[in-house]
Amino acid sequence: MRRRLYDDVHEDFRQSFRSFVAAEILPHHDRWEEAGRVDREMFTAAGEAGYLAMAVPPEYGGLGTDDFRFNAVIGEELQRANVIGSGMCITLHNDVVLPYLLHFADERQKRRWLPGMVTGERMGAISMTEPGAGSDLAALATSARLDGDDYVVNGAKTFVTNGLNADLVILAARTDPAQRHKGISLLVVEDGTPGFTRGRHLDKIGLRSQDTAELFFSDARVPAANLLGGVGEGFSILMRNLAQERLGLAVSAISAARAALSWTVEYCKQREAFGRPLMAHQNTRFTLADLAVQVDVGQTFVDALIEAHGRGELTAEDAAKAKYWTTELQQTVVNRCLQLHGGYGFMREFPIARAYLDARIQTIFGGTNEIMKEIVARTLDGGGGDRPAARR
């Protein structure tokens, strides 16, 4: 299927980033999978090459390229190379964390933090999910009490993507215990903050090279100047940024499905059963044909939403639809493609095996798919809005 989403400049960017992946990520991916985190040198190399925080305006050291299609190219190429675990530090930094600083930081904060976001000297993370509260953000217990010029923060967070490597952590904390949604504020916690410690590296079944950690705050003193947005505005800010986050997940999911289909077609052309290539058997051909149609349909939908996002027209409901449908499709495609690999599909040396493990989280993070369906259902009965979603 011919896609009309990208211009020549995007395709040139694709070739450049593909070369970066081949040189800076692929040779180290297996080692990082074992270590559970990437080397920071890769992240700073991405910054030097211009792949980080492309939307940051030139006055803060960026390219001023506020075009999500470049973000989408990065997500597609990481899935194509089957290194999304190692590359997620880049996509989370660009797609999820950066918009908070671009849209809600004041001038002093932008000049302090954005240049490092561009160069890779500062890796970003976002910290919301708590051990006792998953998708219900309004139930978070981490507290931030104003004491002079500082907020004193106490609490614990879990499932924090980039939790070990991050230099800046956007933290959701309760500044008013008498309020629910309006009692939540966002603070930017910097590495080295007294009372801020990192817990264990979480042992995941997939995305093993993407570091996920617990974070702890024990009378951590965060300067009041690090408040992002206004007091009590945290929940509304989080809701504003969900659409792009979920669109990024949809891009990743449909790209992963396409990559799995491509590997499987090639495998079925070479592997023989009963004296013929697997591709010569009708069941194989029909299975792959069915998956190919579904992937093309999903790609068309995602591309349309990327264009809508570029026009400022992406809605939270459409982003939820895309996140739900494409991540479910990813599960289906990867599972059926693994089946066609037979016993080899169970071997980690084959890309489909790793893709199978990496895919499972997709229906959970960024808001579980059960919540995505609830958001979509509200549009059917005249409701609207969003609800808190579990975070990576």
Protein backbone atom coordinates (compact mmCIF):
# COMPACT_ATOMS: atom_id res chain seq x y z
CA MET A 1 0.00 0.00 0.00
CA ARG A 2 1.41 3.36 -1.02
CA ARG A 3 1.40 5.88 1.79
CA ARG A 4 0.98 9.60 1.12
CA LEU A 5 1.76 10.77 4.64
CA TYR A 6 5.43 11.58 4.16
CA ASP A 7 7.33 14.05 1.99
CA ASP A 8 10.85 13.61 0.64
CA VAL A 9 12.28 15.37 3.69
CA HIS A 10 10.69 12.77 5.97
CA GLU A 11 12.04 9.93 3.86
CA ASP A 12 15.52 11.48 3.96
CA PHE A 13 15.16 11.69 7.73
CA ARG A 14 14.10 8.03 7.75
CA GLN A 15 17.21 6.92 5.92
CA SER A 16 19.37 8.96 8.27
CA PHE A 17 17.74 7.55 11.39
CA ARG A 18 17.85 4.02 9.96
CA SER A 19 21.61 4.41 9.63
CA PHE A 20 21.78 5.67 13.21
CA VAL A 21 19.89 2.60 14.45
CA ALA A 22 22.23 0.30 12.50
CA ALA A 23 25.34 1.97 13.89
CA GLU A 24 24.39 3.00 17.43
CA ILE A 25 21.63 0.63 18.61
CA LEU A 26 21.65 -2.72 16.79
CA PRO A 27 25.24 -3.69 17.72
CA HIS A 28 24.48 -3.17 21.43
CA HIS A 29 20.84 -4.21 21.69
CA ASP A 30 21.48 -7.75 22.98
CA ARG A 31 23.83 -6.46 25.67
CA TRP A 32 21.34 -3.82 26.73
CA GLU A 33 18.59 -6.44 26.85
CA GLU A 34 20.69 -8.35 29.36
CA ALA A 35 21.64 -5.24 31.33
CA GLY A 36 18.09 -3.91 31.47
CA ARG A 37 19.06 -0.41 30.35
CA VAL A 38 20.84 1.37 27.52
CA ASP A 39 24.14 3.21 27.70
CA ARG A 40 23.60 6.93 28.03
CA GLU A 41 26.17 7.45 25.28
CA MET A 42 23.61 6.25 22.74
CA PHE A 43 21.10 8.83 23.94
CA THR A 44 23.58 11.71 23.74
CA ALA A 45 24.61 10.47 20.28
CA ALA A 46 20.96 10.72 19.25
CA GLY A 47 20.96 14.29 20.50
CA GLU A 48 24.12 15.15 18.58
CA ALA A 49 22.55 13.72 15.42
CA GLY A 50 19.36 15.79 15.82
CA TYR A 51 16.92 13.03 16.80
CA LEU A 52 15.91 14.43 20.20
CA ALA A 53 13.35 17.12 20.98
CA MET A 54 13.08 18.26 17.36
CA ALA A 55 10.14 20.53 18.24
CA VAL A 56 12.17 22.73 20.59
CA PRO A 57 12.45 26.26 19.12
CA PRO A 58 15.87 27.48 17.94
CA GLU A 59 16.16 30.00 20.78
CA TYR A 60 16.49 27.04 23.15
CA GLY A 61 18.88 25.10 20.93
CA GLY A 62 16.35 23.02 18.96
CA LEU A 63 15.37 22.70 15.33
CA GLY A 64 11.90 24.16 15.74
CA THR A 65 10.44 21.24 13.78
CA ASP A 66 7.02 20.77 15.33
CA ASP A 67 5.97 18.02 12.92
CA PHE A 68 4.89 14.76 14.55
CA ARG A 69 5.66 12.89 11.33
CA PHE A 70 9.34 12.95 12.30
CA ASN A 71 8.42 11.37 15.63
CA ALA A 72 6.41 8.75 13.74
CA VAL A 73 9.37 7.90 11.50
CA ILE A 74 11.51 7.23 14.57
CA GLY A 75 8.87 4.93 16.06
CA GLU A 76 8.47 3.06 12.77
CA GLU A 77 12.18 2.49 12.30
CA LEU A 78 12.72 1.24 15.84
CA GLN A 79 9.99 -1.37 15.31
CA ARG A 80 11.31 -2.25 11.87
CA ALA A 81 14.71 -3.04 13.42
CA ASN A 82 13.06 -4.85 16.36
CA VAL A 83 14.88 -2.67 18.90
CA ILE A 84 11.96 -0.79 20.42
CA GLY A 85 13.15 -1.68 23.93
CA SER A 86 16.43 0.15 23.41
CA GLY A 87 14.84 2.98 21.47
CA MET A 88 11.92 3.71 23.75
CA CYS A 89 14.06 6.13 25.76
CA ILE A 90 13.98 8.30 22.61
CA THR A 91 10.27 7.98 21.82
CA LEU A 92 9.19 8.61 25.43
CA HIS A 93 11.50 11.63 25.61
CA ASN A 94 10.16 13.11 22.34
CA ASP A 95 6.51 12.07 22.29
CA VAL A 96 5.50 12.08 25.95
CA VAL A 97 7.83 14.15 28.14
CA LEU A 98 8.81 17.03 25.87
CA PRO A 99 5.26 18.43 25.31
CA TYR A 100 4.90 19.09 29.04
CA LEU A 101 7.95 21.36 29.01
CA LEU A 102 7.17 22.96 25.67
CA HIS A 103 3.59 23.89 26.55
CA PHE A 104 3.59 24.43 30.30
CA ALA A 105 7.08 25.47 31.41
CA ASP A 106 7.64 29.17 32.01
CA GLU A 107 10.38 31.08 30.24
CA ARG A 108 12.95 30.56 32.99
CA GLN A 109 12.23 26.82 33.10
CA LYS A 110 12.48 26.49 29.31
CA ARG A 111 15.88 28.16 29.25
CA ARG A 112 17.02 25.92 32.07
CA TRP A 113 15.83 22.55 30.77
CA LEU A 114 15.13 22.57 27.03
CA PRO A 115 18.70 22.88 25.70
CA GLY A 116 19.70 19.70 27.55
CA MET A 117 16.60 17.92 26.24
CA VAL A 118 17.86 18.64 22.72
CA THR A 119 21.47 17.58 23.26
CA GLY A 120 20.66 14.47 25.29
CA GLU A 121 22.36 15.81 28.40
CA ARG A 122 18.94 15.61 30.04
CA MET A 123 16.77 12.53 29.58
CA GLY A 124 13.15 12.93 30.56
CA ALA A 125 10.71 10.67 32.41
CA ILE A 126 7.18 10.99 33.71
CA SER A 127 6.15 9.54 37.03
CA MET A 128 2.51 8.99 37.89
CA THR A 129 1.61 5.37 38.57
CA GLU A 130 1.82 4.28 42.22
CA PRO A 131 2.04 0.81 43.74
CA GLY A 132 -1.45 1.13 45.20
CA ALA A 133 -3.14 3.07 42.40
CA GLY A 134 -2.84 2.00 38.77
CA SER A 135 -5.21 3.65 36.34
CA ASP A 136 -6.97 5.81 38.93
CA LEU A 137 -4.76 8.86 38.98
CA ALA A 138 -7.16 10.74 41.23
CA ALA A 139 -6.33 8.22 43.98
CA LEU A 140 -2.59 8.96 44.03
CA ALA A 141 -1.09 9.34 47.48
CA THR A 142 2.29 10.97 46.81
CA SER A 143 2.14 14.31 48.62
CA ALA A 144 3.85 17.64 48.06
CA ARG A 145 3.60 20.15 50.92
CA LEU A 146 4.81 23.70 50.41
CA ASP A 147 7.45 24.64 52.97
CA GLY A 148 9.01 28.02 52.31
CA ASP A 149 10.59 27.96 48.86
CA ASP A 150 10.37 24.17 48.51
CA TYR A 151 7.79 21.43 48.17
CA VAL A 152 8.45 18.57 50.57
CA VAL A 153 7.56 15.40 48.67
CA ASN A 154 6.77 12.00 50.17
CA GLY A 155 5.62 8.90 48.36
CA ALA A 156 6.52 6.15 45.91
CA LYS A 157 6.08 5.62 42.17
CA THR A 158 6.41 2.52 40.04
CA PHE A 159 6.57 1.45 36.37
CA VAL A 160 8.57 4.59 35.52
CA THR A 161 10.02 4.42 32.01
CA ASN A 162 13.54 5.90 31.88
CA GLY A 163 13.37 5.71 35.67
CA LEU A 164 17.03 4.79 36.10
CA ASN A 165 18.59 6.97 33.43
CA ALA A 166 16.39 10.08 33.58
CA ASP A 167 17.76 13.45 34.68
CA LEU A 168 14.36 15.19 34.79
CA VAL A 169 11.28 13.45 36.18
CA ILE A 170 7.87 15.07 35.80
CA LEU A 171 6.12 14.01 38.99
CA ALA A 172 2.40 13.99 39.71
CA ALA A 173 1.84 14.74 43.39
CA ARG A 174 -1.03 15.79 45.61
CA THR A 175 -0.67 19.39 46.75
CA ASP A 176 -4.17 19.60 48.23
CA PRO A 177 -5.36 16.51 50.14
CA ALA A 178 -8.91 17.91 50.33
CA GLN A 179 -9.31 17.81 46.52
CA ARG A 180 -9.27 14.93 44.07
CA HIS A 181 -8.47 15.98 40.50
CA LYS A 182 -7.92 19.62 41.44
CA GLY A 183 -5.54 18.62 44.22
CA ILE A 184 -2.90 17.30 41.80
CA SER A 185 0.09 19.34 40.63
CA LEU A 186 3.17 18.59 38.55
CA LEU A 187 6.71 19.08 39.79
CA VAL A 188 9.93 18.62 37.84
CA VAL A 189 12.32 16.61 40.01
CA GLU A 190 15.97 16.80 39.02
CA ASP A 191 18.61 14.14 39.49
CA GLY A 192 20.43 14.68 42.78
CA THR A 193 17.45 16.16 44.61
CA PRO A 194 17.88 15.41 48.35
CA GLY A 195 15.42 12.73 49.46
CA PHE A 196 14.87 11.41 45.92
CA THR A 197 16.11 7.85 45.39
CA ARG A 198 15.71 5.24 42.69
CA GLY A 199 14.58 1.77 43.63
CA ARG A 200 15.04 -1.55 41.94
CA HIS A 201 15.14 -2.11 38.25
CA LEU A 202 11.90 -3.92 37.46
CA ASP A 203 12.29 -7.34 35.81
CA LYS A 204 9.91 -7.29 32.84
CA ILE A 205 9.07 -10.10 30.40
CA GLY A 206 9.56 -7.81 27.39
CA LEU A 207 11.14 -4.47 26.46
CA ARG A 208 13.98 -5.58 28.67
CA SER A 209 16.49 -2.98 27.49
CA GLN A 210 14.06 -0.18 28.33
CA ASP A 211 14.77 0.70 31.94
CA THR A 212 11.70 0.69 34.18
CA ALA A 213 12.12 1.48 37.85
CA GLU A 214 10.58 2.41 41.16
CA LEU A 215 11.14 5.93 42.51
CA PHE A 216 10.97 6.98 46.15
CA PHE A 217 10.57 10.37 47.79
CA SER A 218 11.33 10.78 51.48
CA ASP A 219 11.05 14.42 52.54
CA ALA A 220 12.49 15.26 49.14
CA ARG A 221 12.85 19.00 48.80
CA VAL A 222 11.85 20.16 45.32
CA PRO A 223 12.14 23.91 44.64
CA ALA A 224 8.76 25.62 44.25
CA ALA A 225 10.27 27.13 41.11
CA ASN A 226 10.05 23.62 39.59
CA LEU A 227 6.24 23.65 39.63
CA LEU A 228 5.02 22.96 36.09
CA GLY A 229 1.91 24.98 35.30
CA GLY A 230 -0.20 26.21 38.18
CA VAL A 231 -1.01 24.65 41.53
CA GLY A 232 -3.82 22.14 41.11
CA GLU A 233 -3.54 22.09 37.31
CA GLY A 234 -1.71 18.77 37.08
CA PHE A 235 -4.68 16.64 36.15
CA SER A 236 -5.87 18.93 33.36
CA ILE A 237 -2.33 19.16 31.98
CA LEU A 238 -2.01 15.38 31.96
CA MET A 239 -5.28 15.03 30.08
CA ARG A 240 -4.16 17.50 27.41
CA ASN A 241 -1.07 15.47 26.59
CA LEU A 242 -2.74 12.06 26.43
CA ALA A 243 -3.79 12.28 22.78
CA GLN A 244 -0.24 12.55 21.42
CA GLU A 245 1.00 9.86 23.79
CA ARG A 246 -1.65 7.43 22.61
CA LEU A 247 -1.09 8.32 18.96
CA GLY A 248 2.58 7.48 19.46
CA LEU A 249 1.59 4.10 20.87
CA ALA A 250 -0.64 3.48 17.86
CA VAL A 251 2.23 4.33 15.50
CA SER A 252 4.46 1.88 17.35
CA ALA A 253 1.80 -0.84 17.38
CA ILE A 254 0.93 -0.73 13.69
CA SER A 255 4.63 -0.55 12.79
CA ALA A 256 5.35 -3.60 14.94
CA ALA A 257 2.52 -5.49 13.27
CA ARG A 258 3.85 -4.61 9.82
CA ALA A 259 7.37 -5.67 10.77
CA ALA A 260 6.18 -9.02 12.15
CA LEU A 261 4.19 -9.66 8.98
CA SER A 262 7.23 -8.87 6.82
CA TRP A 263 9.51 -11.25 8.74
CA THR A 264 6.92 -14.00 8.55
CA VAL A 265 6.35 -13.67 4.82
CA GLU A 266 10.09 -14.09 4.24
CA TYR A 267 10.26 -17.03 6.64
CA CYS A 268 7.34 -18.78 4.93
CA LYS A 269 8.98 -18.40 1.54
CA GLN A 270 12.08 -20.22 2.77
CA ARG A 271 10.74 -22.80 5.24
CA GLU A 272 9.38 -26.04 3.78
CA ALA A 273 6.70 -28.40 5.05
CA PHE A 274 5.53 -31.55 3.26
CA GLY A 275 7.92 -30.90 0.40
CA ARG A 276 6.74 -27.38 -0.36
CA PRO A 277 7.47 -23.90 0.98
CA LEU A 278 5.03 -22.86 3.70
CA MET A 279 3.97 -20.02 1.42
CA ALA A 280 2.61 -22.57 -1.06
CA HIS A 281 0.05 -23.89 1.46
CA GLN A 282 -3.36 -22.28 1.30
CA ASN A 283 -3.75 -21.95 5.06
CA THR A 284 -0.50 -19.97 5.26
CA ARG A 285 -1.40 -17.77 2.31
CA PHE A 286 -4.89 -17.03 3.61
CA THR A 287 -3.61 -16.28 7.10
CA LEU A 288 -1.03 -13.82 5.80
CA ALA A 289 -3.51 -12.25 3.40
CA ASP A 290 -5.95 -11.66 6.24
CA LEU A 291 -3.25 -10.05 8.37
CA ALA A 292 -2.00 -7.91 5.48
CA VAL A 293 -5.46 -6.43 4.95
CA GLN A 294 -5.88 -5.65 8.65
CA VAL A 295 -2.45 -4.00 8.84
CA ASP A 296 -3.20 -1.82 5.81
CA VAL A 297 -6.55 -0.76 7.27
CA GLY A 298 -4.90 0.10 10.58
CA GLN A 299 -2.11 2.00 8.84
CA THR A 300 -4.62 4.10 6.92
CA PHE A 301 -6.42 5.02 10.14
CA VAL A 302 -3.20 5.91 11.97
CA ASP A 303 -1.89 7.98 9.06
CA ALA A 304 -5.17 9.93 8.98
CA LEU A 305 -4.84 10.69 12.69
CA ILE A 306 -1.22 11.81 12.28
CA GLU A 307 -2.43 14.28 9.66
CA ALA A 308 -5.25 15.40 11.96
CA HIS A 309 -2.72 15.91 14.75
CA GLY A 310 -0.64 18.10 12.45
CA ARG A 311 -3.71 20.27 11.88
CA GLY A 312 -4.42 20.46 15.60
CA GLU A 313 -7.58 18.36 15.18
CA LEU A 314 -6.69 15.11 16.95
CA THR A 315 -9.28 14.34 19.63
CA ALA A 316 -8.75 12.34 22.79
CA GLU A 317 -11.49 9.95 21.67
CA ASP A 318 -9.91 9.24 18.28
CA ALA A 319 -6.51 8.75 19.90
CA ALA A 320 -8.10 6.26 22.31
CA LYS A 321 -9.69 4.41 19.39
CA ALA A 322 -6.35 4.15 17.63
CA LYS A 323 -4.46 3.07 20.73
CA TYR A 324 -7.04 0.39 21.50
CA TRP A 325 -7.48 -1.02 18.00
CA THR A 326 -3.87 -1.02 16.84
CA THR A 327 -2.47 -2.55 20.02
CA GLU A 328 -5.07 -5.33 19.90
CA LEU A 329 -4.17 -5.86 16.24
CA GLN A 330 -0.50 -6.02 17.18
CA GLN A 331 -1.25 -8.86 19.60
CA THR A 332 -3.19 -10.73 16.90
CA VAL A 333 -0.60 -10.29 14.17
CA VAL A 334 2.41 -11.19 16.30
CA ASN A 335 0.65 -14.22 17.80
CA ARG A 336 -0.45 -15.63 14.44
CA CYS A 337 2.93 -14.92 12.86
CA LEU A 338 4.66 -16.72 15.71
CA GLN A 339 2.39 -19.72 15.07
CA LEU A 340 3.50 -19.83 11.45
CA HIS A 341 7.12 -20.00 12.61
CA GLY A 342 6.35 -23.22 14.48
CA GLY A 343 8.90 -24.19 17.11
CA TYR A 344 11.35 -21.59 15.87
CA GLY A 345 8.89 -18.92 16.89
CA PHE A 346 9.59 -19.89 20.50
CA MET A 347 13.32 -19.26 20.10
CA ARG A 348 14.59 -15.83 21.18
CA GLU A 349 17.12 -15.83 18.35
CA PHE A 350 14.20 -15.26 15.97
CA PRO A 351 12.84 -11.69 15.86
CA ILE A 352 9.24 -12.85 16.12
CA ALA A 353 9.88 -14.32 19.59
CA ARG A 354 11.19 -11.05 20.96
CA ALA A 355 8.44 -9.11 19.24
CA TYR A 356 5.90 -11.37 20.93
CA LEU A 357 7.27 -10.54 24.38
CA ASP A 358 7.69 -6.83 23.64
CA ALA A 359 4.14 -6.54 22.31
CA ARG A 360 2.30 -7.65 25.43
CA ILE A 361 2.60 -4.39 27.35
CA GLN A 362 1.08 -2.36 24.52
CA THR A 363 -2.52 -2.99 25.59
CA ILE A 364 -1.67 -1.96 29.16
CA PHE A 365 0.47 1.16 29.27
CA GLY A 366 -0.70 4.60 28.20
CA GLY A 367 -4.07 3.62 29.66
CA THR A 368 -5.33 0.04 29.51
CA ASN A 369 -7.47 -0.92 26.56
CA GLU A 370 -10.41 -1.42 28.90
CA ILE A 371 -10.15 2.30 29.70
CA MET A 372 -9.79 3.12 26.00
CA LYS A 373 -13.10 1.37 25.33
CA GLU A 374 -14.71 3.30 28.17
CA ILE A 375 -13.55 6.58 26.63
CA VAL A 376 -14.92 5.59 23.24
CA ALA A 377 -18.20 4.42 24.80
CA ARG A 378 -18.72 7.83 26.39
CA THR A 379 -18.87 9.38 22.95
CA LEU A 380 -21.76 7.05 22.10
CA ASP A 381 -23.98 8.06 24.99
CA GLY A 382 -23.33 11.78 24.85
CA GLY A 383 -20.56 11.78 27.45
CA GLY A 384 -17.05 12.97 26.92
CA GLY A 385 -13.74 13.72 28.48
CA ASP A 386 -11.12 11.35 29.75
CA ARG A 387 -10.12 9.66 32.93
CA PRO A 388 -6.74 9.11 34.51
CA ALA A 389 -4.58 6.54 32.79
CA ALA A 390 -1.76 4.33 34.01
CA ARG A 391 1.61 5.54 32.86
CA ARG A 392 4.77 3.90 31.73
